[in-house]
Amino acid sequence: MPEAAADGSREALAARLEVEIPLLRAAHEYWAAQHGRTTVGLSGLAIADCGRYVADWVRGKAPPSPRDGFSAPLMLRFAVDDVKAYYLEAAAAGAGKPSSQQLGDWFWNETAAGAAVYALRETCLASQDERLKLIAGNFMVPAARVRGAV
């Protein structure tokens, strides 16, 4: 794929992620109200800010950390974790009880967020930054979900 096309598709993917996050707000708020808690918050950022931070990484910008005392790679890990938690909690908000397999299939196969995290993993694994490689290889995508895995 030509570089410009790859850049364009990454831009489109990042934009889709930023649009998708607010669409889940009502479902996530409902889930949090049902359970009296949320697991979103590791990054210390609002979910929209997490989405923008992840989207900037997807775009190839590698932004600085938005929080003092935390490296950019560590904040990326935390923002990705918050995005995943937000989506999975939102998806579990309905009357039905989806299985973890169903939730994972939906997130990784049907959302812009899942596609963005996959793309980000590939980018980070190709980085010269050993911290990014470590985070991408161990924390972004579960081993069972890594493409090509059994």
Protein backbone atom coordinates (compact mmCIF):
# COMPACT_ATOMS: atom_id res chain seq x y z
CA MET A 1 0.00 0.00 0.00
CA PRO A 2 1.44 3.43 -0.86
CA GLU A 3 2.49 5.55 2.09
CA ALA A 4 -0.04 8.29 1.32
CA ALA A 5 -2.86 5.75 1.28
CA ALA A 6 -1.67 4.29 4.56
CA ASP A 7 -1.53 7.79 6.07
CA GLY A 8 -5.01 8.54 4.73
CA SER A 9 -6.48 5.34 6.10
CA ARG A 10 -4.90 6.00 9.50
CA GLU A 11 -6.35 9.50 9.49
CA ALA A 12 -9.77 8.07 8.61
CA LEU A 13 -9.47 5.45 11.34
CA ALA A 14 -8.47 8.06 13.93
CA ALA A 15 -11.39 10.25 12.89
CA ARG A 16 -13.80 7.29 13.14
CA LEU A 17 -12.56 6.59 16.66
CA GLU A 18 -13.15 10.19 17.73
CA VAL A 19 -16.69 10.10 16.30
CA GLU A 20 -17.52 6.68 17.75
CA ILE A 21 -16.67 7.41 21.39
CA PRO A 22 -19.45 9.95 22.07
CA LEU A 23 -21.99 7.61 20.44
CA LEU A 24 -21.51 5.23 23.37
CA ARG A 25 -21.85 7.85 26.11
CA ALA A 26 -25.49 7.11 27.04
CA ALA A 27 -24.90 3.35 27.15
CA HIS A 28 -21.78 3.81 29.26
CA GLU A 29 -23.54 6.16 31.68
CA TYR A 30 -26.36 3.62 31.98
CA TRP A 31 -23.89 0.81 32.74
CA ALA A 32 -22.09 2.93 35.35
CA ALA A 33 -25.41 3.83 37.00
CA GLN A 34 -26.47 0.16 37.05
CA HIS A 35 -23.23 -0.90 38.70
CA GLY A 36 -22.47 2.18 40.78
CA ARG A 37 -18.94 2.35 39.39
CA THR A 38 -16.79 2.28 36.30
CA THR A 39 -13.36 0.88 35.58
CA VAL A 40 -12.61 3.81 33.27
CA GLY A 41 -10.17 6.27 34.79
CA LEU A 42 -6.71 4.73 34.86
CA SER A 43 -5.35 7.52 32.66
CA GLY A 44 -6.92 10.31 34.70
CA LEU A 45 -8.29 11.75 31.45
CA ALA A 46 -11.87 12.23 30.31
CA ILE A 47 -12.84 9.53 27.81
CA ALA A 48 -12.98 12.03 24.93
CA ASP A 49 -9.42 13.09 25.79
CA CYS A 50 -8.36 9.43 25.85
CA GLY A 51 -9.87 9.03 22.41
CA ARG A 52 -8.07 12.09 21.07
CA TYR A 53 -4.77 10.94 22.59
CA VAL A 54 -5.08 7.46 21.08
CA ALA A 55 -6.24 8.96 17.76
CA ASP A 56 -3.19 11.22 17.64
CA TRP A 57 -0.96 8.18 18.11
CA VAL A 58 -2.84 6.38 15.35
CA ARG A 59 -2.21 9.40 13.12
CA GLY A 60 1.52 8.99 13.85
CA LYS A 61 1.87 12.17 15.91
CA ALA A 62 3.24 10.53 19.11
CA PRO A 63 2.00 13.36 21.34
CA PRO A 64 3.64 14.20 24.65
CA SER A 65 2.12 12.93 27.85
CA PRO A 66 -0.83 15.03 28.98
CA ARG A 67 0.02 14.31 32.64
CA ASP A 68 3.12 15.27 34.57
CA GLY A 69 5.10 12.36 35.93
CA PHE A 70 3.86 9.88 33.32
CA SER A 71 5.76 9.07 30.14
CA ALA A 72 3.95 9.28 26.81
CA PRO A 73 4.14 5.48 26.29
CA LEU A 74 2.69 4.83 29.75
CA MET A 75 -0.12 7.33 29.12
CA LEU A 76 -0.80 5.63 25.81
CA ARG A 77 -1.19 2.31 27.62
CA PHE A 78 -3.53 3.86 30.19
CA ALA A 79 -5.59 5.70 27.54
CA VAL A 80 -5.97 2.49 25.51
CA ASP A 81 -7.05 0.64 28.66
CA ASP A 82 -9.64 3.33 29.40
CA VAL A 83 -11.00 3.21 25.85
CA LYS A 84 -11.33 -0.58 26.00
CA ALA A 85 -13.06 -0.43 29.39
CA TYR A 86 -15.43 2.30 28.20
CA TYR A 87 -16.48 0.33 25.15
CA LEU A 88 -16.94 -2.96 26.96
CA GLU A 89 -18.95 -1.37 29.76
CA ALA A 90 -21.15 0.42 27.21
CA ALA A 91 -21.67 -2.81 25.28
CA ALA A 92 -22.74 -4.61 28.44
CA ALA A 93 -25.31 -1.97 29.40
CA GLY A 94 -28.37 -3.54 27.83
CA ALA A 95 -30.87 -5.99 29.25
CA GLY A 96 -29.04 -8.93 27.67
CA LYS A 97 -25.97 -10.48 29.18
CA PRO A 98 -23.37 -10.81 26.41
CA SER A 99 -20.56 -13.26 27.03
CA SER A 100 -16.98 -12.10 27.24
CA GLN A 101 -16.47 -13.75 23.83
CA GLN A 102 -19.33 -11.73 22.34
CA LEU A 103 -18.03 -8.51 23.88
CA GLY A 104 -14.53 -9.20 22.60
CA ASP A 105 -15.74 -10.11 19.13
CA TRP A 106 -17.74 -6.90 18.95
CA PHE A 107 -14.91 -4.68 20.22
CA TRP A 108 -12.07 -6.17 18.18
CA ASN A 109 -13.98 -6.93 14.98
CA GLU A 110 -16.68 -4.27 14.69
CA THR A 111 -15.51 -1.00 16.26
CA ALA A 112 -13.20 1.76 15.14
CA ALA A 113 -11.58 1.52 18.56
CA GLY A 114 -10.64 -2.13 18.08
CA ALA A 115 -9.25 -1.40 14.61
CA ALA A 116 -7.35 1.62 15.97
CA VAL A 117 -5.75 -0.40 18.76
CA TYR A 118 -4.72 -3.12 16.28
CA ALA A 119 -3.18 -0.47 14.00
CA LEU A 120 -1.48 1.23 16.91
CA ARG A 121 -0.02 -2.08 18.07
CA GLU A 122 1.56 -2.64 14.66
CA THR A 123 3.01 0.87 14.60
CA CYS A 124 4.41 0.63 18.11
CA LEU A 125 5.97 -2.79 17.49
CA ALA A 126 7.90 -1.24 14.58
CA SER A 127 9.12 1.64 16.74
CA GLN A 128 12.69 2.13 17.88
CA ASP A 129 11.35 2.96 21.35
CA GLU A 130 11.68 -0.16 23.49
CA ARG A 131 8.98 1.05 25.91
CA LEU A 132 6.48 1.32 23.06
CA LYS A 133 7.42 -2.14 21.83
CA LEU A 134 6.93 -3.56 25.33
CA ILE A 135 3.55 -1.89 25.77
CA ALA A 136 2.36 -2.87 22.29
CA GLY A 137 3.50 -6.44 22.60
CA ASN A 138 2.16 -7.07 26.08
CA PHE A 139 -0.72 -4.75 26.92
CA MET A 140 -2.66 -3.39 23.94
CA VAL A 141 -4.20 -6.45 22.32
CA PRO A 142 -4.83 -9.67 24.22
CA ALA A 143 -2.67 -12.52 22.96
CA ALA A 144 -5.75 -14.50 21.90
CA ARG A 145 -6.79 -11.55 19.71
CA VAL A 146 -3.50 -10.92 18.00
CA ARG A 147 -4.09 -11.46 14.32
CA GLY A 148 -2.61 -14.70 13.14
CA ALA A 149 -2.91 -16.24 16.60
CA VAL A 150 -4.74 -19.50 17.04
